[in-house]
């Protein structure tokens, strides 16, 4: 899981947790199009999978795509990585 920052006021930024696939793509210098080619899906789907957990437009991959992602990342990204962390759920930061 990775975080991005959203500034809700001028005093302190709020971390917005993201699925691990976002960090994996960043670590491997893959943009959405390159990740889509690797995973066998559209770049729009990759973009939606990489969004913060609280983004209402975030998508979870289906079983076939999830299997391809796990294989392509050699297990670095796992099925449970697409579920928000418990802390985010309890704080209401998961869509």
C-alpha atoms as a PDB file:
ATOM      1  CA  UNK A   1       0.000   0.000   0.000  1.00  0.00           C
ATOM      2  CA  UNK A   2       1.216   3.493  -0.752  1.00  0.00           C
ATOM      3  CA  UNK A   3       0.011   6.899   0.292  1.00  0.00           C
ATOM      4  CA  UNK A   4      -0.614  10.147  -1.502  1.00  0.00           C
ATOM      5  CA  UNK A   5      -1.201  13.412   0.267  1.00  0.00           C
ATOM      6  CA  UNK A   6      -4.336  15.474   0.148  1.00  0.00           C
ATOM      7  CA  UNK A   7      -4.385  18.865   1.805  1.00  0.00           C
ATOM      8  CA  UNK A   8      -7.686  19.472   3.560  1.00  0.00           C
ATOM      9  CA  UNK A   9      -6.578  22.758   5.077  1.00  0.00           C
ATOM     10  CA  UNK A  10      -3.356  24.740   5.171  1.00  0.00           C
ATOM     11  CA  UNK A  11      -2.142  23.221   8.451  1.00  0.00           C
ATOM     12  CA  UNK A  12      -1.611  19.520   7.801  1.00  0.00           C
ATOM     13  CA  UNK A  13      -1.791  17.135   4.858  1.00  0.00           C
ATOM     14  CA  UNK A  14      -3.757  13.899   5.160  1.00  0.00           C
ATOM     15  CA  UNK A  15      -2.284  10.630   3.888  1.00  0.00           C
ATOM     16  CA  UNK A  16      -4.551   8.793   1.429  1.00  0.00           C
ATOM     17  CA  UNK A  17      -3.596   5.098   1.398  1.00  0.00           C
ATOM     18  CA  UNK A  18      -3.375   3.413  -1.999  1.00  0.00           C
ATOM     19  CA  UNK A  19      -3.251  -0.225  -3.098  1.00  0.00           C
ATOM     20  CA  UNK A  20       0.170  -1.888  -3.314  1.00  0.00           C
ATOM     21  CA  UNK A  21      -0.111  -2.079  -7.105  1.00  0.00           C
ATOM     22  CA  UNK A  22       0.435   1.698  -7.170  1.00  0.00           C
ATOM     23  CA  UNK A  23       3.769   1.451  -5.298  1.00  0.00           C
ATOM     24  CA  UNK A  24       4.833  -1.550  -7.408  1.00  0.00           C
ATOM     25  CA  UNK A  25       4.205   0.386 -10.623  1.00  0.00           C
ATOM     26  CA  UNK A  26       6.097   3.409  -9.285  1.00  0.00           C
ATOM     27  CA  UNK A  27       9.024   1.247  -8.153  1.00  0.00           C
ATOM     28  CA  UNK A  28       9.223  -0.299 -11.631  1.00  0.00           C
ATOM     29  CA  UNK A  29       8.775   3.031 -13.467  1.00  0.00           C
ATOM     30  CA  UNK A  30       5.576   1.860 -15.129  1.00  0.00           C
ATOM     31  CA  UNK A  31       2.928   4.317 -16.216  1.00  0.00           C
ATOM     32  CA  UNK A  32      -0.668   3.181 -16.610  1.00  0.00           C
ATOM     33  CA  UNK A  33      -0.197   2.178 -20.270  1.00  0.00           C
ATOM     34  CA  UNK A  34       2.907   0.078 -19.574  1.00  0.00           C
ATOM     35  CA  UNK A  35       1.275  -1.615 -16.578  1.00  0.00           C
ATOM     36  CA  UNK A  36      -1.841  -2.283 -18.677  1.00  0.00           C
ATOM     37  CA  UNK A  37       0.258  -4.021 -21.339  1.00  0.00           C
ATOM     38  CA  UNK A  38       1.953  -6.124 -18.655  1.00  0.00           C
ATOM     39  CA  UNK A  39      -1.272  -7.026 -16.835  1.00  0.00           C
ATOM     40  CA  UNK A  40      -3.399  -7.515 -19.956  1.00  0.00           C
ATOM     41  CA  UNK A  41      -6.023  -4.853 -19.287  1.00  0.00           C
ATOM     42  CA  UNK A  42      -6.813  -1.264 -20.259  1.00  0.00           C
ATOM     43  CA  UNK A  43      -4.819   1.693 -18.987  1.00  0.00           C
ATOM     44  CA  UNK A  44      -8.083   3.085 -17.587  1.00  0.00           C
ATOM     45  CA  UNK A  45      -8.434  -0.028 -15.423  1.00  0.00           C
ATOM     46  CA  UNK A  46      -4.880   0.353 -14.145  1.00  0.00           C
ATOM     47  CA  UNK A  47      -5.581   3.996 -13.351  1.00  0.00           C
ATOM     48  CA  UNK A  48      -8.687   3.032 -11.377  1.00  0.00           C
ATOM     49  CA  UNK A  49      -6.928   0.224  -9.502  1.00  0.00           C
ATOM     50  CA  UNK A  50      -4.127   2.606  -8.445  1.00  0.00           C
ATOM     51  CA  UNK A  51      -6.427   5.260  -6.962  1.00  0.00           C
ATOM     52  CA  UNK A  52      -6.601   5.886  -3.190  1.00  0.00           C
ATOM     53  CA  UNK A  53      -8.877   3.589  -1.218  1.00  0.00           C
ATOM     54  CA  UNK A  54     -11.272   6.479  -0.483  1.00  0.00           C
ATOM     55  CA  UNK A  55     -11.734   7.351  -4.175  1.00  0.00           C
ATOM     56  CA  UNK A  56     -15.270   6.355  -5.229  1.00  0.00           C
ATOM     57  CA  UNK A  57     -13.996   5.630  -8.780  1.00  0.00           C
ATOM     58  CA  UNK A  58     -11.431   3.080  -7.564  1.00  0.00           C
ATOM     59  CA  UNK A  59     -11.913  -0.416  -8.976  1.00  0.00           C
ATOM     60  CA  UNK A  60     -10.847  -3.850  -7.762  1.00  0.00           C
ATOM     61  CA  UNK A  61      -9.637  -6.303 -10.373  1.00  0.00           C
ATOM     62  CA  UNK A  62     -11.715  -9.353 -11.198  1.00  0.00           C
ATOM     63  CA  UNK A  63     -10.352 -12.838 -10.554  1.00  0.00           C
ATOM     64  CA  UNK A  64      -8.732 -13.316 -13.987  1.00  0.00           C
ATOM     65  CA  UNK A  65      -7.005  -9.925 -13.904  1.00  0.00           C
ATOM     66  CA  UNK A  66      -5.978 -10.437 -10.289  1.00  0.00           C
ATOM     67  CA  UNK A  67      -4.308 -13.710 -11.227  1.00  0.00           C
ATOM     68  CA  UNK A  68      -2.387 -11.982 -14.039  1.00  0.00           C
ATOM     69  CA  UNK A  69      -1.272  -9.183 -11.685  1.00  0.00           C
ATOM     70  CA  UNK A  70       0.001 -11.626  -9.041  1.00  0.00           C
ATOM     71  CA  UNK A  71       1.923 -13.545 -11.711  1.00  0.00           C
ATOM     72  CA  UNK A  72       3.321 -10.408 -13.396  1.00  0.00           C
ATOM     73  CA  UNK A  73       4.525  -9.005 -10.050  1.00  0.00           C
ATOM     74  CA  UNK A  74       5.877 -12.395  -8.913  1.00  0.00           C
ATOM     75  CA  UNK A  75       3.633 -12.196  -5.855  1.00  0.00           C
ATOM     76  CA  UNK A  76       4.694  -8.714  -4.788  1.00  0.00           C
ATOM     77  CA  UNK A  77       1.082  -7.595  -5.271  1.00  0.00           C
ATOM     78  CA  UNK A  78      -1.399  -9.992  -3.686  1.00  0.00           C
ATOM     79  CA  UNK A  79      -5.212 -10.204  -3.615  1.00  0.00           C
ATOM     80  CA  UNK A  80      -5.455  -8.756  -0.101  1.00  0.00           C
ATOM     81  CA  UNK A  81      -3.521  -5.656  -1.231  1.00  0.00           C
ATOM     82  CA  UNK A  82      -6.653  -4.445  -3.010  1.00  0.00           C
ATOM     83  CA  UNK A  83      -8.587  -4.195   0.273  1.00  0.00           C
ATOM     84  CA  UNK A  84      -8.189  -1.049   2.344  1.00  0.00           C
ATOM     85  CA  UNK A  85      -6.291  -1.280   5.629  1.00  0.00           C
ATOM     86  CA  UNK A  86      -8.464  -1.665   8.712  1.00  0.00           C
ATOM     87  CA  UNK A  87      -7.333   1.757  10.003  1.00  0.00           C
ATOM     88  CA  UNK A  88      -8.632   3.441   6.831  1.00  0.00           C
ATOM     89  CA  UNK A  89     -11.964   1.651   7.147  1.00  0.00           C
ATOM     90  CA  UNK A  90     -12.344   2.734  10.781  1.00  0.00           C
ATOM     91  CA  UNK A  91     -11.483   6.352   9.925  1.00  0.00           C
ATOM     92  CA  UNK A  92     -14.035   6.322   7.090  1.00  0.00           C
ATOM     93  CA  UNK A  93     -11.312   6.701   4.448  1.00  0.00           C
ATOM     94  CA  UNK A  94     -12.295   3.690   2.337  1.00  0.00           C
ATOM     95  CA  UNK A  95     -14.850   3.736  -0.450  1.00  0.00           C
END
